[in-house]
Amino acid sequence: MKKHLFFHRDKPFRPKGGRFDGVPFDPEKQLAVIRGSICTGERVAGFKDKTTGTFTEVMLIQSHKDEEQFKKMYQLDSVKTEY
């Protein structure tokens, strides 16, 4: 698997019986966010803690298809983008 600057996971997420063995998401404590770099253009989807602001990376976004996959994995209607 090709490694990217902001992509630190060894394996992509794979569904197991309709569930994902990846990063857990708690909508009461976290916000779904796509972080984008204005310098390199790289985009990473993940979760931002509402109280501490800590960002947890989930996956690299290289296309609109990746963004739709992220939304589908976590059953999201929309995702905020931060730069």
N, C-alpha and C. Protein backbone atom coordinates (compact mmCIF):
# COMPACT_ATOMS: atom_id res chain seq x y z
N MET A 1 0.83 -1.18 0.00
CA MET A 1 0.00 0.00 0.00
C MET A 1 0.88 1.24 0.00
N LYS A 2 0.52 2.19 -0.80
CA LYS A 2 1.27 3.42 -0.91
C LYS A 2 1.06 4.28 0.33
N LYS A 3 2.13 4.78 0.90
CA LYS A 3 2.06 5.65 2.08
C LYS A 3 1.97 7.10 1.63
N HIS A 4 1.20 7.89 2.36
CA HIS A 4 1.05 9.30 2.07
C HIS A 4 1.45 10.09 3.30
N LEU A 5 1.67 11.37 3.11
CA LEU A 5 2.14 12.24 4.17
C LEU A 5 1.26 12.19 5.42
N PHE A 6 -0.06 12.26 5.25
CA PHE A 6 -0.96 12.30 6.39
C PHE A 6 -1.69 10.99 6.62
N PHE A 7 -1.33 9.94 5.93
CA PHE A 7 -2.04 8.67 6.04
C PHE A 7 -1.18 7.71 6.83
N HIS A 8 -1.57 7.45 8.09
CA HIS A 8 -0.74 6.67 9.00
C HIS A 8 -1.28 5.28 9.29
N ARG A 9 -2.34 4.88 8.64
CA ARG A 9 -2.90 3.56 8.90
C ARG A 9 -2.26 2.55 7.96
N ASP A 10 -2.08 1.32 8.46
CA ASP A 10 -1.47 0.27 7.65
C ASP A 10 -2.43 -0.30 6.62
N LYS A 11 -3.72 -0.37 6.96
CA LYS A 11 -4.70 -0.98 6.08
C LYS A 11 -5.89 -0.04 5.90
N PRO A 12 -6.51 -0.07 4.72
CA PRO A 12 -7.75 0.69 4.58
C PRO A 12 -8.87 -0.01 5.34
N PHE A 13 -9.96 0.69 5.56
CA PHE A 13 -11.07 0.11 6.29
C PHE A 13 -11.83 -0.88 5.42
N ARG A 14 -12.18 -1.99 5.98
CA ARG A 14 -12.96 -3.02 5.29
C ARG A 14 -14.18 -3.34 6.13
N PRO A 15 -15.35 -3.42 5.49
CA PRO A 15 -16.54 -3.77 6.26
C PRO A 15 -16.50 -5.21 6.72
N LYS A 16 -16.96 -5.46 7.93
CA LYS A 16 -17.07 -6.82 8.48
C LYS A 16 -18.49 -6.97 9.00
N GLY A 17 -19.32 -7.66 8.26
CA GLY A 17 -20.70 -7.85 8.68
C GLY A 17 -21.47 -6.56 8.81
N GLY A 18 -21.18 -5.59 7.94
CA GLY A 18 -21.89 -4.31 7.99
C GLY A 18 -21.27 -3.32 8.95
N ARG A 19 -20.28 -3.73 9.73
CA ARG A 19 -19.60 -2.83 10.66
C ARG A 19 -18.18 -2.61 10.21
N PHE A 20 -17.60 -1.53 10.66
CA PHE A 20 -16.22 -1.23 10.31
C PHE A 20 -15.34 -1.40 11.54
N ASP A 21 -14.16 -1.98 11.33
CA ASP A 21 -13.24 -2.21 12.43
C ASP A 21 -12.28 -1.04 12.60
N GLY A 22 -12.70 0.12 12.15
CA GLY A 22 -11.83 1.28 12.15
C GLY A 22 -12.03 2.17 13.35
N VAL A 23 -11.84 3.45 13.11
CA VAL A 23 -11.91 4.46 14.15
C VAL A 23 -13.38 4.64 14.57
N PRO A 24 -13.67 4.53 15.87
CA PRO A 24 -15.05 4.74 16.31
C PRO A 24 -15.43 6.22 16.24
N PHE A 25 -16.70 6.48 15.97
CA PHE A 25 -17.19 7.85 15.83
C PHE A 25 -18.34 8.07 16.79
N ASP A 26 -18.22 9.07 17.66
CA ASP A 26 -19.27 9.45 18.60
C ASP A 26 -19.74 10.86 18.23
N PRO A 27 -20.89 10.98 17.55
CA PRO A 27 -21.34 12.30 17.09
C PRO A 27 -21.61 13.30 18.22
N GLU A 28 -21.80 12.82 19.44
CA GLU A 28 -22.02 13.74 20.56
C GLU A 28 -20.72 14.40 21.01
N LYS A 29 -19.59 13.72 20.80
CA LYS A 29 -18.30 14.23 21.26
C LYS A 29 -17.38 14.66 20.12
N GLN A 30 -17.69 14.25 18.89
CA GLN A 30 -16.80 14.51 17.77
C GLN A 30 -17.55 15.10 16.58
N LEU A 31 -16.80 15.81 15.74
CA LEU A 31 -17.31 16.34 14.48
C LEU A 31 -16.59 15.63 13.33
N ALA A 32 -17.32 15.26 12.30
CA ALA A 32 -16.70 14.70 11.10
C ALA A 32 -16.16 15.87 10.28
N VAL A 33 -14.88 15.80 9.93
CA VAL A 33 -14.19 16.91 9.27
C VAL A 33 -13.26 16.38 8.19
N ILE A 34 -13.13 17.15 7.11
CA ILE A 34 -12.09 16.88 6.12
C ILE A 34 -11.10 18.02 6.25
N ARG A 35 -9.85 17.68 6.55
CA ARG A 35 -8.80 18.68 6.66
C ARG A 35 -8.08 18.78 5.33
N GLY A 36 -7.96 19.99 4.84
CA GLY A 36 -7.29 20.21 3.57
C GLY A 36 -6.08 21.11 3.75
N SER A 37 -5.01 20.80 3.04
CA SER A 37 -3.80 21.62 3.09
C SER A 37 -3.86 22.63 1.96
N ILE A 38 -3.71 23.91 2.28
CA ILE A 38 -3.72 24.92 1.23
C ILE A 38 -2.40 24.91 0.44
N CYS A 39 -1.36 24.32 1.01
CA CYS A 39 -0.06 24.26 0.33
C CYS A 39 0.01 23.09 -0.66
N THR A 40 -0.32 21.90 -0.19
CA THR A 40 -0.16 20.71 -1.03
C THR A 40 -1.46 20.24 -1.67
N GLY A 41 -2.59 20.68 -1.14
CA GLY A 41 -3.87 20.25 -1.68
C GLY A 41 -4.33 18.91 -1.14
N GLU A 42 -3.53 18.31 -0.27
CA GLU A 42 -3.89 17.00 0.27
C GLU A 42 -5.06 17.14 1.24
N ARG A 43 -5.97 16.16 1.20
CA ARG A 43 -7.15 16.17 2.06
C ARG A 43 -7.23 14.88 2.85
N VAL A 44 -7.56 14.99 4.15
CA VAL A 44 -7.66 13.84 5.04
C VAL A 44 -8.98 13.93 5.78
N ALA A 45 -9.73 12.84 5.79
CA ALA A 45 -11.00 12.79 6.52
C ALA A 45 -10.74 12.21 7.90
N GLY A 46 -11.48 12.73 8.87
CA GLY A 46 -11.32 12.23 10.23
C GLY A 46 -12.31 12.88 11.16
N PHE A 47 -12.01 12.79 12.45
CA PHE A 47 -12.91 13.30 13.47
C PHE A 47 -12.19 14.27 14.39
N LYS A 48 -12.85 15.37 14.68
CA LYS A 48 -12.30 16.40 15.55
C LYS A 48 -13.08 16.39 16.86
N ASP A 49 -12.36 16.26 17.96
CA ASP A 49 -12.99 16.26 19.28
C ASP A 49 -13.54 17.66 19.56
N LYS A 50 -14.79 17.73 20.00
CA LYS A 50 -15.44 19.02 20.23
C LYS A 50 -14.84 19.80 21.39
N THR A 51 -14.31 19.11 22.39
CA THR A 51 -13.79 19.81 23.56
C THR A 51 -12.31 20.15 23.44
N THR A 52 -11.49 19.22 22.96
CA THR A 52 -10.05 19.46 22.90
C THR A 52 -9.56 19.91 21.53
N GLY A 53 -10.33 19.64 20.48
CA GLY A 53 -9.90 20.00 19.13
C GLY A 53 -8.93 18.99 18.52
N THR A 54 -8.71 17.88 19.20
CA THR A 54 -7.81 16.84 18.70
C THR A 54 -8.40 16.20 17.46
N PHE A 55 -7.57 16.05 16.42
CA PHE A 55 -8.02 15.45 15.16
C PHE A 55 -7.53 14.02 15.05
N THR A 56 -8.43 13.10 14.73
CA THR A 56 -8.09 11.69 14.53
C THR A 56 -8.29 11.37 13.05
N GLU A 57 -7.21 11.00 12.36
CA GLU A 57 -7.27 10.69 10.94
C GLU A 57 -7.95 9.35 10.69
N VAL A 58 -8.76 9.30 9.64
CA VAL A 58 -9.42 8.06 9.27
C VAL A 58 -8.95 7.60 7.90
N MET A 59 -8.99 8.49 6.92
CA MET A 59 -8.58 8.09 5.57
C MET A 59 -8.18 9.29 4.72
N LEU A 60 -7.36 9.02 3.73
CA LEU A 60 -6.93 10.02 2.76
C LEU A 60 -8.04 10.20 1.73
N ILE A 61 -8.32 11.44 1.38
CA ILE A 61 -9.34 11.74 0.36
C ILE A 61 -8.61 12.17 -0.91
N GLN A 62 -8.67 11.32 -1.94
CA GLN A 62 -8.02 11.65 -3.20
C GLN A 62 -9.02 12.02 -4.29
N SER A 63 -10.28 11.68 -4.09
CA SER A 63 -11.30 11.98 -5.09
C SER A 63 -12.65 12.13 -4.41
N HIS A 64 -13.62 12.55 -5.21
CA HIS A 64 -14.99 12.68 -4.70
C HIS A 64 -15.52 11.31 -4.27
N LYS A 65 -15.08 10.26 -4.94
CA LYS A 65 -15.49 8.90 -4.59
C LYS A 65 -15.03 8.54 -3.17
N ASP A 66 -13.82 8.92 -2.80
CA ASP A 66 -13.31 8.66 -1.45
C ASP A 66 -14.14 9.41 -0.41
N GLU A 67 -14.52 10.64 -0.72
CA GLU A 67 -15.33 11.42 0.21
C GLU A 67 -16.70 10.76 0.40
N GLU A 68 -17.29 10.29 -0.68
CA GLU A 68 -18.58 9.60 -0.59
C GLU A 68 -18.46 8.30 0.20
N GLN A 69 -17.34 7.60 0.04
CA GLN A 69 -17.11 6.36 0.80
C GLN A 69 -17.02 6.66 2.30
N PHE A 70 -16.33 7.74 2.66
CA PHE A 70 -16.21 8.14 4.06
C PHE A 70 -17.60 8.44 4.64
N LYS A 71 -18.40 9.19 3.90
CA LYS A 71 -19.76 9.50 4.35
C LYS A 71 -20.59 8.24 4.52
N LYS A 72 -20.45 7.32 3.59
CA LYS A 72 -21.22 6.07 3.65
C LYS A 72 -20.77 5.20 4.83
N MET A 73 -19.46 5.13 5.07
CA MET A 73 -18.93 4.31 6.16
C MET A 73 -19.47 4.74 7.51
N TYR A 74 -19.60 6.05 7.70
CA TYR A 74 -20.02 6.58 8.99
C TYR A 74 -21.44 7.16 8.96
N GLN A 75 -22.18 6.88 7.89
CA GLN A 75 -23.57 7.30 7.75
C GLN A 75 -23.75 8.80 7.97
N LEU A 76 -22.98 9.60 7.21
CA LEU A 76 -23.00 11.05 7.32
C LEU A 76 -23.68 11.66 6.11
N ASP A 77 -24.42 12.76 6.31
CA ASP A 77 -25.04 13.47 5.19
C ASP A 77 -24.07 14.46 4.56
N SER A 78 -23.32 15.15 5.41
CA SER A 78 -22.34 16.13 4.93
C SER A 78 -21.14 16.16 5.87
N VAL A 79 -20.04 16.66 5.33
CA VAL A 79 -18.80 16.75 6.10
C VAL A 79 -18.21 18.15 5.90
N LYS A 80 -17.88 18.80 6.99
CA LYS A 80 -17.28 20.13 6.95
C LYS A 80 -15.82 20.03 6.52
N THR A 81 -15.36 21.00 5.72
CA THR A 81 -13.97 21.05 5.31
C THR A 81 -13.26 22.19 6.03
N GLU A 82 -12.09 21.89 6.61
CA GLU A 82 -11.28 22.90 7.29
C GLU A 82 -9.93 23.00 6.60
N TYR A 83 -9.37 24.21 6.56
CA TYR A 83 -8.05 24.42 5.98
C TYR A 83 -7.08 24.92 7.01
